Amino acid sequence: LGSTVYMVCIDAKTHELVSGTSSCMMCKKLAINAGIARLVVRDDAENFRVINVSDWIEDDDSLSGKFGY
């Protein structure tokens, strides 16, 4: 599809923005399989990151044997 997804990570208990988060393996797989091209992740009120989903395919961290966030 080539779409862009915008993510804001909010703590469920405090409702505050959580900075520096990463997508889990399941979320990565869902984004890849859905044909999403980019994720824009809001880190704080001023900063964001653009993640190209194709980088997850080229640099598949599940092949390293290291898992986690």
N, C-alpha and C. Protein backbone atom coordinates (compact mmCIF):
# COMPACT_ATOMS: atom_id res chain seq x y z
N LEU A 1 0.80 -1.20 0.00
CA LEU A 1 0.00 0.00 0.00
C LEU A 1 0.84 1.26 0.00
N GLY A 2 2.02 1.20 0.63
CA GLY A 2 2.90 2.35 0.66
C GLY A 2 2.44 3.47 1.57
N SER A 3 1.62 3.16 2.55
CA SER A 3 1.08 4.21 3.42
C SER A 3 2.05 4.57 4.54
N THR A 4 1.73 5.64 5.24
CA THR A 4 2.49 6.10 6.39
C THR A 4 1.61 6.00 7.63
N VAL A 5 2.18 5.49 8.72
CA VAL A 5 1.46 5.38 9.99
C VAL A 5 2.11 6.35 10.97
N TYR A 6 1.29 7.09 11.68
CA TYR A 6 1.77 8.03 12.69
C TYR A 6 1.49 7.43 14.07
N MET A 7 2.55 7.32 14.88
CA MET A 7 2.42 6.70 16.20
C MET A 7 2.78 7.69 17.29
N VAL A 8 1.98 7.71 18.33
CA VAL A 8 2.28 8.46 19.54
C VAL A 8 2.15 7.47 20.68
N CYS A 9 3.24 7.26 21.40
CA CYS A 9 3.24 6.27 22.48
C CYS A 9 2.87 6.95 23.79
N ILE A 10 1.70 6.62 24.30
CA ILE A 10 1.17 7.21 25.52
C ILE A 10 1.12 6.14 26.61
N ASP A 11 1.63 6.48 27.80
CA ASP A 11 1.57 5.57 28.94
C ASP A 11 0.11 5.44 29.39
N ALA A 12 -0.35 4.22 29.51
CA ALA A 12 -1.75 3.97 29.84
C ALA A 12 -2.13 4.46 31.24
N LYS A 13 -1.18 4.41 32.18
CA LYS A 13 -1.49 4.81 33.56
C LYS A 13 -1.44 6.32 33.76
N THR A 14 -0.42 6.96 33.18
CA THR A 14 -0.23 8.39 33.42
C THR A 14 -0.74 9.26 32.27
N HIS A 15 -1.01 8.65 31.14
CA HIS A 15 -1.44 9.37 29.93
C HIS A 15 -0.39 10.36 29.44
N GLU A 16 0.88 10.10 29.78
CA GLU A 16 1.97 10.96 29.34
C GLU A 16 2.68 10.33 28.15
N LEU A 17 3.30 11.18 27.34
CA LEU A 17 4.05 10.73 26.18
C LEU A 17 5.28 9.96 26.63
N VAL A 18 5.52 8.80 26.05
CA VAL A 18 6.68 7.97 26.37
C VAL A 18 7.67 8.12 25.22
N SER A 19 8.85 8.61 25.50
CA SER A 19 9.84 8.84 24.45
C SER A 19 10.78 7.66 24.30
N GLY A 20 11.38 7.53 23.11
CA GLY A 20 12.40 6.54 22.86
C GLY A 20 11.90 5.11 22.76
N THR A 21 10.64 4.92 22.46
CA THR A 21 10.10 3.57 22.36
C THR A 21 10.39 2.97 21.00
N SER A 22 10.29 1.66 20.91
CA SER A 22 10.50 0.93 19.66
C SER A 22 9.34 -0.03 19.45
N SER A 23 9.17 -0.43 18.21
CA SER A 23 8.12 -1.40 17.90
C SER A 23 8.57 -2.80 18.28
N CYS A 24 7.65 -3.59 18.80
CA CYS A 24 7.95 -4.97 19.13
C CYS A 24 7.96 -5.80 17.84
N MET A 25 8.39 -7.04 17.95
CA MET A 25 8.48 -7.92 16.77
C MET A 25 7.11 -8.12 16.12
N MET A 26 6.06 -8.25 16.91
CA MET A 26 4.73 -8.46 16.36
C MET A 26 4.27 -7.23 15.58
N CYS A 27 4.50 -6.04 16.14
CA CYS A 27 4.12 -4.82 15.44
C CYS A 27 4.91 -4.65 14.15
N LYS A 28 6.19 -5.01 14.18
CA LYS A 28 6.99 -4.94 12.96
C LYS A 28 6.43 -5.87 11.89
N LYS A 29 6.10 -7.09 12.27
CA LYS A 29 5.54 -8.04 11.32
C LYS A 29 4.21 -7.55 10.75
N LEU A 30 3.37 -6.97 11.60
CA LEU A 30 2.09 -6.45 11.15
C LEU A 30 2.29 -5.31 10.15
N ALA A 31 3.23 -4.41 10.43
CA ALA A 31 3.50 -3.29 9.53
C ALA A 31 4.04 -3.78 8.19
N ILE A 32 4.95 -4.75 8.22
CA ILE A 32 5.52 -5.31 6.99
C ILE A 32 4.43 -5.98 6.17
N ASN A 33 3.64 -6.83 6.81
CA ASN A 33 2.60 -7.58 6.09
C ASN A 33 1.48 -6.68 5.59
N ALA A 34 1.25 -5.53 6.23
CA ALA A 34 0.21 -4.61 5.80
C ALA A 34 0.66 -3.74 4.63
N GLY A 35 1.94 -3.80 4.30
CA GLY A 35 2.45 -2.99 3.19
C GLY A 35 2.70 -1.54 3.56
N ILE A 36 2.91 -1.27 4.84
CA ILE A 36 3.17 0.09 5.30
C ILE A 36 4.61 0.45 4.92
N ALA A 37 4.80 1.63 4.38
CA ALA A 37 6.12 2.06 3.93
C ALA A 37 6.91 2.76 5.03
N ARG A 38 6.24 3.60 5.82
CA ARG A 38 6.91 4.41 6.83
C ARG A 38 6.10 4.49 8.11
N LEU A 39 6.83 4.62 9.22
CA LEU A 39 6.22 4.93 10.51
C LEU A 39 6.83 6.24 10.98
N VAL A 40 5.98 7.15 11.43
CA VAL A 40 6.44 8.39 12.03
C VAL A 40 6.10 8.27 13.51
N VAL A 41 7.14 8.27 14.35
CA VAL A 41 6.98 8.05 15.79
C VAL A 41 7.27 9.36 16.52
N ARG A 42 6.30 9.85 17.28
CA ARG A 42 6.47 11.07 18.06
C ARG A 42 7.23 10.72 19.33
N ASP A 43 8.43 11.32 19.51
CA ASP A 43 9.24 11.06 20.70
C ASP A 43 8.91 12.01 21.85
N ASP A 44 8.64 13.25 21.53
CA ASP A 44 8.21 14.23 22.53
C ASP A 44 7.47 15.34 21.79
N ALA A 45 7.18 16.41 22.47
CA ALA A 45 6.38 17.47 21.87
C ALA A 45 7.06 18.11 20.66
N GLU A 46 8.37 18.03 20.59
CA GLU A 46 9.12 18.69 19.51
C GLU A 46 9.76 17.74 18.50
N ASN A 47 10.00 16.49 18.88
CA ASN A 47 10.82 15.58 18.06
C ASN A 47 10.05 14.34 17.62
N PHE A 48 10.40 13.87 16.44
CA PHE A 48 9.83 12.63 15.92
C PHE A 48 10.88 11.91 15.10
N ARG A 49 10.63 10.63 14.85
CA ARG A 49 11.51 9.80 14.02
C ARG A 49 10.71 9.25 12.86
N VAL A 50 11.36 9.12 11.71
CA VAL A 50 10.75 8.46 10.56
C VAL A 50 11.48 7.14 10.36
N ILE A 51 10.73 6.05 10.39
CA ILE A 51 11.30 4.71 10.23
C ILE A 51 10.80 4.14 8.92
N ASN A 52 11.74 3.76 8.06
CA ASN A 52 11.38 3.10 6.81
C ASN A 52 11.23 1.61 7.09
N VAL A 53 10.06 1.08 6.83
CA VAL A 53 9.78 -0.32 7.12
C VAL A 53 10.70 -1.24 6.32
N SER A 54 11.13 -0.81 5.15
CA SER A 54 12.05 -1.62 4.34
C SER A 54 13.36 -1.88 5.08
N ASP A 55 13.76 -0.97 5.99
CA ASP A 55 14.97 -1.20 6.79
C ASP A 55 14.80 -2.40 7.71
N TRP A 56 13.58 -2.62 8.21
CA TRP A 56 13.32 -3.78 9.06
C TRP A 56 13.48 -5.07 8.26
N ILE A 57 13.15 -5.04 7.00
CA ILE A 57 13.28 -6.23 6.17
C ILE A 57 14.75 -6.49 5.85
N GLU A 58 15.48 -5.44 5.50
CA GLU A 58 16.89 -5.59 5.14
C GLU A 58 17.76 -5.94 6.34
N ASP A 59 17.44 -5.40 7.50
CA ASP A 59 18.21 -5.63 8.72
C ASP A 59 17.32 -6.35 9.73
N ASP A 60 16.97 -7.58 9.43
CA ASP A 60 16.03 -8.36 10.24
C ASP A 60 16.69 -8.75 11.55
N ASP A 61 16.32 -8.06 12.64
CA ASP A 61 16.94 -8.33 13.94
C ASP A 61 16.55 -9.67 14.53
N SER A 62 15.54 -10.33 13.97
CA SER A 62 15.17 -11.66 14.48
C SER A 62 16.21 -12.70 14.06
N LEU A 63 17.03 -12.38 13.07
CA LEU A 63 18.07 -13.33 12.62
C LEU A 63 19.28 -13.29 13.52
N SER A 64 19.42 -12.26 14.34
CA SER A 64 20.59 -12.13 15.21
C SER A 64 20.50 -13.02 16.44
N GLY A 65 19.30 -13.48 16.76
CA GLY A 65 19.11 -14.29 17.96
C GLY A 65 18.88 -13.45 19.21
N LYS A 66 18.92 -12.12 19.07
CA LYS A 66 18.69 -11.21 20.19
C LYS A 66 17.28 -10.67 20.08
N PHE A 67 16.50 -10.84 21.12
CA PHE A 67 15.11 -10.41 21.10
C PHE A 67 14.85 -9.47 22.26
N GLY A 68 13.80 -8.70 22.16
CA GLY A 68 13.41 -7.80 23.23
C GLY A 68 13.22 -6.40 22.71
N TYR A 69 12.97 -5.49 23.62
CA TYR A 69 12.69 -4.10 23.23
C TYR A 69 13.95 -3.28 23.29
